[in-house]
Amino acid sequence: MDIQISLPDQIGTYVEEQLTAGGYSSVSEYFLHLVRQDQKRRAQEKLETLLLEGLNSENSREVTPEFWQQLRDSVLSGHSPKASEFPET
């Protein structure tokens, strides 16, 4: 996909500086890097939102060493544990 954009001179100068400073071989490579960073940032935001939803849900519980040990034991035995089978804290 080819995309053509126009940038104000001040932004164009900044992009050129970033090409040199960041070791990018082209404007395309720099913009691709920016898009990938944005994708990672959005994925991180989504993960944080989901984690907060889980923490705030009625089914949340503290994950203790006992919880992890029981989970390990269940996985190693080939048994899929239900949430109710884990120790409450």
PDB file of N, CA and C in Angstrom:
ATOM      1  N   MET A   1       0.840  -1.166   0.000  1.00  0.00           N
ATOM      2  CA  MET A   1       0.000   0.000   0.000  1.00  0.00           C
ATOM      3  C   MET A   1       0.893   1.239   0.000  1.00  0.00           C
ATOM      4  N   ASP A   2       0.615   2.132  -0.875  1.00  0.00           N
ATOM      5  CA  ASP A   2       1.338   3.401  -0.916  1.00  0.00           C
ATOM      6  C   ASP A   2       0.460   4.488  -0.330  1.00  0.00           C
ATOM      7  N   ILE A   3       1.037   5.299   0.534  1.00  0.00           N
ATOM      8  CA  ILE A   3       0.335   6.421   1.138  1.00  0.00           C
ATOM      9  C   ILE A   3       1.181   7.663   0.914  1.00  0.00           C
ATOM     10  N   GLN A   4       0.537   8.703   0.503  1.00  0.00           N
ATOM     11  CA  GLN A   4       1.245   9.962   0.311  1.00  0.00           C
ATOM     12  C   GLN A   4       0.653  10.979   1.269  1.00  0.00           C
ATOM     13  N   ILE A   5       1.523  11.638   2.051  1.00  0.00           N
ATOM     14  CA  ILE A   5       1.050  12.653   2.980  1.00  0.00           C
ATOM     15  C   ILE A   5       1.871  13.922   2.812  1.00  0.00           C
ATOM     16  N   SER A   6       1.270  15.028   3.156  1.00  0.00           N
ATOM     17  CA  SER A   6       1.964  16.313   3.146  1.00  0.00           C
ATOM     18  C   SER A   6       2.166  16.740   4.581  1.00  0.00           C
ATOM     19  N   LEU A   7       3.366  17.191   4.878  1.00  0.00           N
ATOM     20  CA  LEU A   7       3.688  17.621   6.233  1.00  0.00           C
ATOM     21  C   LEU A   7       4.085  19.090   6.220  1.00  0.00           C
ATOM     22  N   PRO A   8       3.721  19.835   7.248  1.00  0.00           N
ATOM     23  CA  PRO A   8       4.211  21.207   7.368  1.00  0.00           C
ATOM     24  C   PRO A   8       5.742  21.182   7.464  1.00  0.00           C
ATOM     25  N   ASP A   9       6.372  22.236   7.060  1.00  0.00           N
ATOM     26  CA  ASP A   9       7.839  22.292   7.054  1.00  0.00           C
ATOM     27  C   ASP A   9       8.448  21.928   8.404  1.00  0.00           C
ATOM     28  N   GLN A  10       7.866  22.452   9.474  1.00  0.00           N
ATOM     29  CA  GLN A  10       8.412  22.194  10.809  1.00  0.00           C
ATOM     30  C   GLN A  10       8.377  20.696  11.131  1.00  0.00           C
ATOM     31  N   ILE A  11       7.297  20.030  10.778  1.00  0.00           N
ATOM     32  CA  ILE A  11       7.184  18.584  11.025  1.00  0.00           C
ATOM     33  C   ILE A  11       8.121  17.824  10.092  1.00  0.00           C
ATOM     34  N   GLY A  12       8.217  18.257   8.851  1.00  0.00           N
ATOM     35  CA  GLY A  12       9.129  17.620   7.904  1.00  0.00           C
ATOM     36  C   GLY A  12      10.570  17.681   8.385  1.00  0.00           C
ATOM     37  N   THR A  13      10.945  18.830   8.931  1.00  0.00           N
ATOM     38  CA  THR A  13      12.301  18.987   9.475  1.00  0.00           C
ATOM     39  C   THR A  13      12.510  18.029  10.641  1.00  0.00           C
ATOM     40  N   TYR A  14      11.500  17.930  11.492  1.00  0.00           N
ATOM     41  CA  TYR A  14      11.587  17.014  12.629  1.00  0.00           C
ATOM     42  C   TYR A  14      11.760  15.569  12.150  1.00  0.00           C
ATOM     43  N   VAL A  15      10.982  15.180  11.153  1.00  0.00           N
ATOM     44  CA  VAL A  15      11.065  13.811  10.623  1.00  0.00           C
ATOM     45  C   VAL A  15      12.461  13.556  10.068  1.00  0.00           C
ATOM     46  N   GLU A  16      13.001  14.498   9.339  1.00  0.00           N
ATOM     47  CA  GLU A  16      14.359  14.349   8.798  1.00  0.00           C
ATOM     48  C   GLU A  16      15.381  14.182   9.922  1.00  0.00           C
ATOM     49  N   GLU A  17      15.211  14.948  10.995  1.00  0.00           N
ATOM     50  CA  GLU A  17      16.120  14.826  12.141  1.00  0.00           C
ATOM     51  C   GLU A  17      16.017  13.432  12.759  1.00  0.00           C
ATOM     52  N   GLN A  18      14.798  12.906  12.828  1.00  0.00           N
ATOM     53  CA  GLN A  18      14.590  11.576  13.415  1.00  0.00           C
ATOM     54  C   GLN A  18      15.190  10.486  12.539  1.00  0.00           C
ATOM     55  N   LEU A  19      15.163  10.689  11.233  1.00  0.00           N
ATOM     56  CA  LEU A  19      15.778   9.713  10.329  1.00  0.00           C
ATOM     57  C   LEU A  19      17.256   9.570  10.644  1.00  0.00           C
ATOM     58  N   THR A  20      17.905  10.708  10.833  1.00  0.00           N
ATOM     59  CA  THR A  20      19.336  10.693  11.118  1.00  0.00           C
ATOM     60  C   THR A  20      19.611  10.158  12.518  1.00  0.00           C
ATOM     61  N   ALA A  21      18.876  10.668  13.502  1.00  0.00           N
ATOM     62  CA  ALA A  21      19.116  10.299  14.896  1.00  0.00           C
ATOM     63  C   ALA A  21      18.752   8.836  15.173  1.00  0.00           C
ATOM     64  N   GLY A  22      17.700   8.356  14.548  1.00  0.00           N
ATOM     65  CA  GLY A  22      17.234   7.002  14.823  1.00  0.00           C
ATOM     66  C   GLY A  22      17.815   5.950  13.920  1.00  0.00           C
ATOM     67  N   GLY A  23      18.584   6.351  12.943  1.00  0.00           N
ATOM     68  CA  GLY A  23      19.195   5.390  12.040  1.00  0.00           C
ATOM     69  C   GLY A  23      18.216   4.760  11.059  1.00  0.00           C
ATOM     70  N   TYR A  24      17.136   5.464  10.744  1.00  0.00           N
ATOM     71  CA  TYR A  24      16.166   4.953   9.777  1.00  0.00           C
ATOM     72  C   TYR A  24      16.688   5.195   8.372  1.00  0.00           C
ATOM     73  N   SER A  25      16.408   4.261   7.481  1.00  0.00           N
ATOM     74  CA  SER A  25      16.909   4.386   6.114  1.00  0.00           C
ATOM     75  C   SER A  25      15.964   5.177   5.214  1.00  0.00           C
ATOM     76  N   SER A  26      14.722   5.369   5.672  1.00  0.00           N
ATOM     77  CA  SER A  26      13.761   6.101   4.849  1.00  0.00           C
ATOM     78  C   SER A  26      12.630   6.650   5.720  1.00  0.00           C
ATOM     79  N   VAL A  27      11.886   7.567   5.150  1.00  0.00           N
ATOM     80  CA  VAL A  27      10.713   8.109   5.827  1.00  0.00           C
ATOM     81  C   VAL A  27       9.712   6.979   6.058  1.00  0.00           C
ATOM     82  N   SER A  28       9.581   6.091   5.091  1.00  0.00           N
ATOM     83  CA  SER A  28       8.653   4.965   5.229  1.00  0.00           C
ATOM     84  C   SER A  28       9.012   4.104   6.434  1.00  0.00           C
ATOM     85  N   GLU A  29      10.294   3.826   6.603  1.00  0.00           N
ATOM     86  CA  GLU A  29      10.733   3.006   7.734  1.00  0.00           C
ATOM     87  C   GLU A  29      10.410   3.708   9.054  1.00  0.00           C
ATOM     88  N   TYR A  30      10.615   5.022   9.102  1.00  0.00           N
ATOM     89  CA  TYR A  30      10.321   5.785  10.314  1.00  0.00           C
ATOM     90  C   TYR A  30       8.821   5.742  10.626  1.00  0.00           C
ATOM     91  N   PHE A  31       7.985   5.971   9.622  1.00  0.00           N
ATOM     92  CA  PHE A  31       6.549   5.960   9.856  1.00  0.00           C
ATOM     93  C   PHE A  31       6.052   4.553  10.213  1.00  0.00           C
ATOM     94  N   LEU A  32       6.641   3.538   9.623  1.00  0.00           N
ATOM     95  CA  LEU A  32       6.283   2.167   9.976  1.00  0.00           C
ATOM     96  C   LEU A  32       6.599   1.910  11.449  1.00  0.00           C
ATOM     97  N   HIS A  33       7.750   2.404  11.891  1.00  0.00           N
ATOM     98  CA  HIS A  33       8.130   2.283  13.300  1.00  0.00           C
ATOM     99  C   HIS A  33       7.094   2.980  14.195  1.00  0.00           C
ATOM    100  N   LEU A  34       6.662   4.170  13.809  1.00  0.00           N
ATOM    101  CA  LEU A  34       5.667   4.909  14.594  1.00  0.00           C
ATOM    102  C   LEU A  34       4.341   4.151  14.670  1.00  0.00           C
ATOM    103  N   VAL A  35       3.929   3.569  13.557  1.00  0.00           N
ATOM    104  CA  VAL A  35       2.664   2.820  13.542  1.00  0.00           C
ATOM    105  C   VAL A  35       2.775   1.593  14.446  1.00  0.00           C
ATOM    106  N   ARG A  36       3.897   0.910  14.397  1.00  0.00           N
ATOM    107  CA  ARG A  36       4.081  -0.275  15.262  1.00  0.00           C
ATOM    108  C   ARG A  36       4.080   0.119  16.738  1.00  0.00           C
ATOM    109  N   GLN A  37       4.711   1.250  17.054  1.00  0.00           N
ATOM    110  CA  GLN A  37       4.682   1.738  18.430  1.00  0.00           C
ATOM    111  C   GLN A  37       3.253   2.027  18.865  1.00  0.00           C
ATOM    112  N   ASP A  38       2.466   2.629  17.980  1.00  0.00           N
ATOM    113  CA  ASP A  38       1.075   2.930  18.288  1.00  0.00           C
ATOM    114  C   ASP A  38       0.281   1.650  18.506  1.00  0.00           C
ATOM    115  N   GLN A  39       0.530   0.637  17.686  1.00  0.00           N
ATOM    116  CA  GLN A  39      -0.150  -0.654  17.863  1.00  0.00           C
ATOM    117  C   GLN A  39       0.171  -1.254  19.233  1.00  0.00           C
ATOM    118  N   LYS A  40       1.432  -1.210  19.614  1.00  0.00           N
ATOM    119  CA  LYS A  40       1.842  -1.747  20.914  1.00  0.00           C
ATOM    120  C   LYS A  40       1.190  -0.960  22.050  1.00  0.00           C
ATOM    121  N   ARG A  41       1.158   0.359  21.917  1.00  0.00           N
ATOM    122  CA  ARG A  41       0.567   1.201  22.951  1.00  0.00           C
ATOM    123  C   ARG A  41      -0.915   0.882  23.120  1.00  0.00           C
ATOM    124  N   ARG A  42      -1.617   0.739  21.991  1.00  0.00           N
ATOM    125  CA  ARG A  42      -3.053   0.435  22.064  1.00  0.00           C
ATOM    126  C   ARG A  42      -3.303  -0.953  22.652  1.00  0.00           C
ATOM    127  N   ALA A  43      -2.453  -1.909  22.311  1.00  0.00           N
ATOM    128  CA  ALA A  43      -2.587  -3.256  22.875  1.00  0.00           C
ATOM    129  C   ALA A  43      -2.345  -3.216  24.382  1.00  0.00           C
ATOM    130  N   GLN A  44      -1.369  -2.420  24.809  1.00  0.00           N
ATOM    131  CA  GLN A  44      -1.086  -2.277  26.239  1.00  0.00           C
ATOM    132  C   GLN A  44      -2.272  -1.642  26.952  1.00  0.00           C
ATOM    133  N   GLU A  45      -2.863  -0.615  26.355  1.00  0.00           N
ATOM    134  CA  GLU A  45      -4.038   0.028  26.945  1.00  0.00           C
ATOM    135  C   GLU A  45      -5.199  -0.961  27.075  1.00  0.00           C
ATOM    136  N   LYS A  46      -5.400  -1.777  26.041  1.00  0.00           N
ATOM    137  CA  LYS A  46      -6.479  -2.767  26.075  1.00  0.00           C
ATOM    138  C   LYS A  46      -6.231  -3.786  27.180  1.00  0.00           C
ATOM    139  N   LEU A  47      -4.994  -4.255  27.290  1.00  0.00           N
ATOM    140  CA  LEU A  47      -4.641  -5.209  28.332  1.00  0.00           C
ATOM    141  C   LEU A  47      -4.889  -4.612  29.714  1.00  0.00           C
ATOM    142  N   GLU A  48      -4.465  -3.369  29.913  1.00  0.00           N
ATOM    143  CA  GLU A  48      -4.670  -2.720  31.202  1.00  0.00           C
ATOM    144  C   GLU A  48      -6.154  -2.578  31.515  1.00  0.00           C
ATOM    145  N   THR A  49      -6.955  -2.234  30.517  1.00  0.00           N
ATOM    146  CA  THR A  49      -8.401  -2.121  30.713  1.00  0.00           C
ATOM    147  C   THR A  49      -9.000  -3.463  31.123  1.00  0.00           C
ATOM    148  N   LEU A  50      -8.600  -4.532  30.420  1.00  0.00           N
ATOM    149  CA  LEU A  50      -9.106  -5.863  30.746  1.00  0.00           C
ATOM    150  C   LEU A  50      -8.668  -6.311  32.138  1.00  0.00           C
ATOM    151  N   LEU A  51      -7.434  -6.013  32.497  1.00  0.00           N
ATOM    152  CA  LEU A  51      -6.954  -6.378  33.828  1.00  0.00           C
ATOM    153  C   LEU A  51      -7.725  -5.643  34.911  1.00  0.00           C
ATOM    154  N   LEU A  52      -7.971  -4.352  34.700  1.00  0.00           N
ATOM    155  CA  LEU A  52      -8.743  -3.581  35.679  1.00  0.00           C
ATOM    156  C   LEU A  52     -10.174  -4.100  35.783  1.00  0.00           C
ATOM    157  N   GLU A  53     -10.770  -4.458  34.649  1.00  0.00           N
ATOM    158  CA  GLU A  53     -12.115  -5.040  34.677  1.00  0.00           C
ATOM    159  C   GLU A  53     -12.118  -6.332  35.499  1.00  0.00           C
ATOM    160  N   GLY A  54     -11.097  -7.150  35.303  1.00  0.00           N
ATOM    161  CA  GLY A  54     -10.995  -8.396  36.057  1.00  0.00           C
ATOM    162  C   GLY A  54     -10.816  -8.146  37.541  1.00  0.00           C
ATOM    163  N   LEU A  55      -9.966  -7.176  37.874  1.00  0.00           N
ATOM    164  CA  LEU A  55      -9.745  -6.869  39.289  1.00  0.00           C
ATOM    165  C   LEU A  55     -11.000  -6.326  39.956  1.00  0.00           C
ATOM    166  N   ASN A  56     -11.800  -5.609  39.194  1.00  0.00           N
ATOM    167  CA  ASN A  56     -13.005  -4.997  39.741  1.00  0.00           C
ATOM    168  C   ASN A  56     -14.228  -5.904  39.655  1.00  0.00           C
ATOM    169  N   SER A  57     -14.060  -7.087  39.088  1.00  0.00           N
ATOM    170  CA  SER A  57     -15.208  -7.987  38.951  1.00  0.00           C
ATOM    171  C   SER A  57     -15.468  -8.712  40.273  1.00  0.00           C
ATOM    172  N   GLU A  58     -16.640  -9.281  40.380  1.00  0.00           N
ATOM    173  CA  GLU A  58     -17.010 -10.013  41.592  1.00  0.00           C
ATOM    174  C   GLU A  58     -16.193 -11.288  41.751  1.00  0.00           C
ATOM    175  N   ASN A  59     -15.640 -11.803  40.667  1.00  0.00           N
ATOM    176  CA  ASN A  59     -14.911 -13.074  40.705  1.00  0.00           C
ATOM    177  C   ASN A  59     -13.414 -12.904  40.914  1.00  0.00           C
ATOM    178  N   SER A  60     -12.960 -11.692  41.193  1.00  0.00           N
ATOM    179  CA  SER A  60     -11.521 -11.494  41.332  1.00  0.00           C
ATOM    180  C   SER A  60     -11.040 -12.053  42.669  1.00  0.00           C
ATOM    181  N   ARG A  61      -9.783 -12.443  42.679  1.00  0.00           N
ATOM    182  CA  ARG A  61      -9.182 -12.937  43.909  1.00  0.00           C
ATOM    183  C   ARG A  61      -7.690 -12.662  43.844  1.00  0.00           C
ATOM    184  N   GLU A  62      -7.090 -12.656  44.990  1.00  0.00           N
ATOM    185  CA  GLU A  62      -5.655 -12.446  45.065  1.00  0.00           C
ATOM    186  C   GLU A  62      -4.950 -13.702  44.575  1.00  0.00           C
ATOM    187  N   VAL A  63      -3.923 -13.519  43.777  1.00  0.00           N
ATOM    188  CA  VAL A  63      -3.161 -14.660  43.280  1.00  0.00           C
ATOM    189  C   VAL A  63      -1.983 -14.855  44.224  1.00  0.00           C
ATOM    190  N   THR A  64      -2.029 -15.952  44.935  1.00  0.00           N
ATOM    191  CA  THR A  64      -1.030 -16.264  45.957  1.00  0.00           C
ATOM    192  C   THR A  64      -0.108 -17.373  45.458  1.00  0.00           C
ATOM    193  N   PRO A  65       0.974 -17.635  46.184  1.00  0.00           N
ATOM    194  CA  PRO A  65       1.824 -18.778  45.814  1.00  0.00           C
ATOM    195  C   PRO A  65       1.041 -20.096  45.805  1.00  0.00           C
ATOM    196  N   GLU A  66       0.069 -20.222  46.702  1.00  0.00           N
ATOM    197  CA  GLU A  66      -0.747 -21.439  46.743  1.00  0.00           C
ATOM    198  C   GLU A  66      -1.581 -21.569  45.473  1.00  0.00           C
ATOM    199  N   PHE A  67      -2.111 -20.446  45.013  1.00  0.00           N
ATOM    200  CA  PHE A  67      -2.891 -20.438  43.770  1.00  0.00           C
ATOM    201  C   PHE A  67      -2.030 -20.946  42.613  1.00  0.00           C
ATOM    202  N   TRP A  68      -0.807 -20.384  42.488  1.00  0.00           N
ATOM    203  CA  TRP A  68       0.076 -20.790  41.394  1.00  0.00           C
ATOM    204  C   TRP A  68       0.460 -22.261  41.508  1.00  0.00           C
ATOM    205  N   GLN A  69       0.707 -22.737  42.727  1.00  0.00           N
ATOM    206  CA  GLN A  69       1.081 -24.139  42.909  1.00  0.00           C
ATOM    207  C   GLN A  69      -0.057 -25.054  42.498  1.00  0.00           C
ATOM    208  N   GLN A  70      -1.279 -24.704  42.886  1.00  0.00           N
ATOM    209  CA  GLN A  70      -2.430 -25.527  42.509  1.00  0.00           C
ATOM    210  C   GLN A  70      -2.631 -25.502  40.997  1.00  0.00           C
ATOM    211  N   LEU A  71      -2.417 -24.347  40.384  1.00  0.00           N
ATOM    212  CA  LEU A  71      -2.537 -24.250  38.927  1.00  0.00           C
ATOM    213  C   LEU A  71      -1.478 -25.111  38.249  1.00  0.00           C
ATOM    214  N   ARG A  72      -0.229 -25.037  38.733  1.00  0.00           N
ATOM    215  CA  ARG A  72       0.839 -25.871  38.172  1.00  0.00           C
ATOM    216  C   ARG A  72       0.503 -27.349  38.303  1.00  0.00           C
ATOM    217  N   ASP A  73       0.069 -27.728  39.491  1.00  0.00           N
ATOM    218  CA  ASP A  73      -0.274 -29.135  39.729  1.00  0.00           C
ATOM    219  C   ASP A  73      -1.381 -29.598  38.783  1.00  0.00           C
ATOM    220  N   SER A  74      -2.374 -28.738  38.579  1.00  0.00           N
ATOM    221  CA  SER A  74      -3.490 -29.086  37.696  1.00  0.00           C
ATOM    222  C   SER A  74      -3.033 -29.233  36.255  1.00  0.00           C
ATOM    223  N   VAL A  75      -2.196 -28.321  35.814  1.00  0.00           N
ATOM    224  CA  VAL A  75      -1.713 -28.375  34.431  1.00  0.00           C
ATOM    225  C   VAL A  75      -0.848 -29.612  34.219  1.00  0.00           C
ATOM    226  N   LEU A  76       0.037 -29.894  35.159  1.00  0.00           N
ATOM    227  CA  LEU A  76       0.921 -31.049  35.024  1.00  0.00           C
ATOM    228  C   LEU A  76       0.162 -32.369  35.081  1.00  0.00           C
ATOM    229  N   SER A  77      -0.967 -32.392  35.776  1.00  0.00           N
ATOM    230  CA  SER A  77      -1.752 -33.615  35.853  1.00  0.00           C
ATOM    231  C   SER A  77      -2.712 -33.758  34.671  1.00  0.00           C
ATOM    232  N   GLY A  78      -2.780 -32.710  33.832  1.00  0.00           N
ATOM    233  CA  GLY A  78      -3.676 -32.752  32.689  1.00  0.00           C
ATOM    234  C   GLY A  78      -5.114 -32.431  33.040  1.00  0.00           C
ATOM    235  N   HIS A  79      -5.335 -31.962  34.246  1.00  0.00           N
ATOM    236  CA  HIS A  79      -6.676 -31.629  34.725  1.00  0.00           C
ATOM    237  C   HIS A  79      -6.907 -30.136  34.539  1.00  0.00           C
ATOM    238  N   SER A  80      -8.004 -29.786  33.916  1.00  0.00           N
ATOM    239  CA  SER A  80      -8.356 -28.373  33.725  1.00  0.00           C
ATOM    240  C   SER A  80      -9.168 -27.906  34.915  1.00  0.00           C
ATOM    241  N   PRO A  81      -8.594 -27.082  35.766  1.00  0.00           N
ATOM    242  CA  PRO A  81      -9.306 -26.675  36.972  1.00  0.00           C
ATOM    243  C   PRO A  81     -10.385 -25.646  36.691  1.00  0.00           C
ATOM    244  N   LYS A  82     -11.429 -25.687  37.491  1.00  0.00           N
ATOM    245  CA  LYS A  82     -12.463 -24.659  37.459  1.00  0.00           C
ATOM    246  C   LYS A  82     -12.049 -23.593  38.458  1.00  0.00           C
ATOM    247  N   ALA A  83     -12.512 -22.369  38.238  1.00  0.00           N
ATOM    248  CA  ALA A  83     -12.153 -21.274  39.140  1.00  0.00           C
ATOM    249  C   ALA A  83     -12.520 -21.594  40.580  1.00  0.00           C
ATOM    250  N   SER A  84     -13.606 -22.317  40.775  1.00  0.00           N
ATOM    251  CA  SER A  84     -14.052 -22.638  42.138  1.00  0.00           C
ATOM    252  C   SER A  84     -13.103 -23.604  42.848  1.00  0.00           C
ATOM    253  N   GLU A  85     -12.219 -24.259  42.112  1.00  0.00           N
ATOM    254  CA  GLU A  85     -11.312 -25.223  42.711  1.00  0.00           C
ATOM    255  C   GLU A  85     -10.063 -24.577  43.295  1.00  0.00           C
ATOM    256  N   PHE A  86      -9.856 -23.303  43.001  1.00  0.00           N
ATOM    257  CA  PHE A  86      -8.669 -22.622  43.509  1.00  0.00           C
ATOM    258  C   PHE A  86      -8.933 -22.089  44.902  1.00  0.00           C
ATOM    259  N   PRO A  87      -7.889 -22.030  45.714  1.00  0.00           N
ATOM    260  CA  PRO A  87      -8.085 -21.549  47.083  1.00  0.00           C
ATOM    261  C   PRO A  87      -8.511 -20.088  47.098  1.00  0.00           C
ATOM    262  N   GLU A  88      -9.430 -19.799  47.980  1.00  0.00           N
ATOM    263  CA  GLU A  88      -9.853 -18.420  48.187  1.00  0.00           C
ATOM    264  C   GLU A  88      -8.829 -17.746  49.086  1.00  0.00           C
ATOM    265  N   THR A  89      -8.704 -16.433  48.937  1.00  0.00           N
ATOM    266  CA  THR A  89      -7.778 -15.703  49.801  1.00  0.00           C
ATOM    267  C   THR A  89      -8.528 -14.755  50.686  1.00  0.00           C
TER     268      THR A  89
END
